[in-house]
Amino acid sequence: MIAALIATGGGAVATAQPSTTPAAPSAPQIQQQAPAPVDPCAPTATPTSTTTTPPATTTATTTPAACTTVPAAPSSTTATTAPVAPAAPATTQGTAPSTTAATAAPAAPTAEPELAPAQLPADPAPVEPVAPTDPELSSKTAEPDPDYTPTEDPNSTIVPGQMRSDREEIPAPFTKEDADKAETMEARQRMSRAAVGCQTYWPSPYEVCGAIRDKYNSLGGPGSFLSYPYSPEYTSNDGVGKRTLFLNGPIYWSPAGGAHPVVNSFLNRWGVHQYEEGFLKYPTTDEIVLPDGGRRQEFQGGAIYVAFQNAIGSAIANGPIRDKWNSLGGHTGWLGYLTSDELTTGSTKYHNFVNGSIFDTVFDVPRAVANIDSLETSTGDSCNTIELDSGQCNVKSPDFKGALSDMEDCLYSSDPKKTNPETVVAVINPPSDLDPTLSLTCAVYRHLRNEHTADQDPENALACIALVYNFGYEVPAAPESSQAGPRKAREWRNPQTNELSTVVWEDKPFRAKIVTAFAGPKSSDPDFNGNNWRGCGEGYITDEPRP
């Protein structure tokens, strides 16, 4: 299990979550085409809010066009080689929301009716989703077509030698048959008011309809990162949501969230959690570009964060852990980005972050603790109380094992600097800016060895002190621990082992020395005298924490 227990050097003061976040690379306000009187797909729904307030964003959310005329059909798709195939396939396949099935043109028209102009896609956004170089994370299969234009004067029937495909090269993976079909679909759509809500993009023979069409055009159509459409529109298993696949990823629509593309690492991680059928449900935003270059995408039930181009991404549900993370500044706070999805140990749920973890137990409110690998120690210098108070001893150890080495030197080194009783062997940062930073001196570690055999399990002993200080609740200090001045104490019970542990420190602001610590009840029996360090740390670290 990932070790996530000891605080980083210097006071760990939470920073506020930024009040605004740069908008997604492709989230301009969609200009909904005015529907014809008979168009059944006018916008009718308003997105609902999530149960947890996500970090503020300037991304615009599109109000979708509701569709009521999608007939049921078999679940198999017509695009047998679509590059993106969600794990939870649609149960129905229908025509686009705002169109009826294309009808054959008159067999021998004397004069073609005047064609309405095709809706032109917007220019692609200057910042678009970036395809990872790792093929396992990328949904990209084709390049965008920045030169795309609708067919000029398309033929409503196939005329050999006079089709657009006879004059222009056909982009892969489409065939001449696909291109000719697409041209006739363009013609019929532009002649029919019944098809005003749908659009075909030559040479792709698939209609894109309603709110999904509007979102696609707002992103740049075939010139966007999605490239060409590659499937008909599908209805999700819930009978409500819809999706259309494009060469480089899908656009999903729901009444609550609107229409949004989900691609690359976001699509991969969403799929791990069963797409719209999982806890995340439907997307409510496009990708949102964050100030440091990371990205996030909001869903009805939570969010996915991707810290850099080839990151696999991590999902977090709306709820107490995300609320705690946001209260500490979210990805800009001291915890940094997510590095895991939700994990469990016993009845405790937790997420790992770059610099720590947040635990949600049934016994307490969610608590944030720093990684044990962020432990601070002295580096063998004579680091006494005076130097500690002046801030000269906060030298980060390279890893947890380095900290344990300093503790071992305190007991066995021949270097008098390392065995000096006032040498600080570890510094544990506070859970909030109202608590002092704690220092563990060589003298106190010797006391823990003599009284509670901490040297026999130093990993769990050190982790236990951090757990109690970060998770625990304050209790009156024992009388014997207060003889040398005011003291404070905190207790914490491990939810898996039910072991109660205690840490006592000087009642001083900013920086204070640990006075004592013990795991389990004290006893005259040296084998059971507050030395159940494993019972305190069980489930939170291993004896060999990974670096």
Foldseek 3Di string as FASTA:
>chain_A
DFFFFFAFFDFAAFDAADQEFFEALFADAFDFDDADPVFQFQQDFEADAAPFDDRHYPGDFYRFTFADPFDFDAQDFPLPPALDDFPQTFRGFGAARGADDQDADPPDDPDQPDFADDDAFDAAGPDHADAFPPPLQFLADDAFDLPFDQDDPFDLADDPPPHVVNVDPADPPDDPVQQNLLSNVQSRLRVDSSNVQWHGGPSHNEIDGTQQVRSCSSNRNSNHSQHHWRTGKGAHHVRAKIWTHGNGFIWIAGNNATTETQTGLRSVQCSVQRHLVGQQHAWNGYWTQGPVRKIKTHGNFWIWTGGDRPGSIETEGRDQQSVVCNRSHHLPRPQHAWDYYWDDDVQKIKTHGPFRIWIDHPVARIFTGGGLQSKFFAQLAQCAPVNVVVPNRRHTDRGNVSLVVLLVCCPDNPDCSSVPQRGFSTWGHASHLFAAIETEGSVQSVVCCVQQVCVVQVVLVVSLQSCQRGPWDKDADDPVLDPVHDKTKTWDADPVLRKIKMWMWHPDHHYIYTSHIFIHDADPPSVHGRHPSCNRCPPNADSDRDD
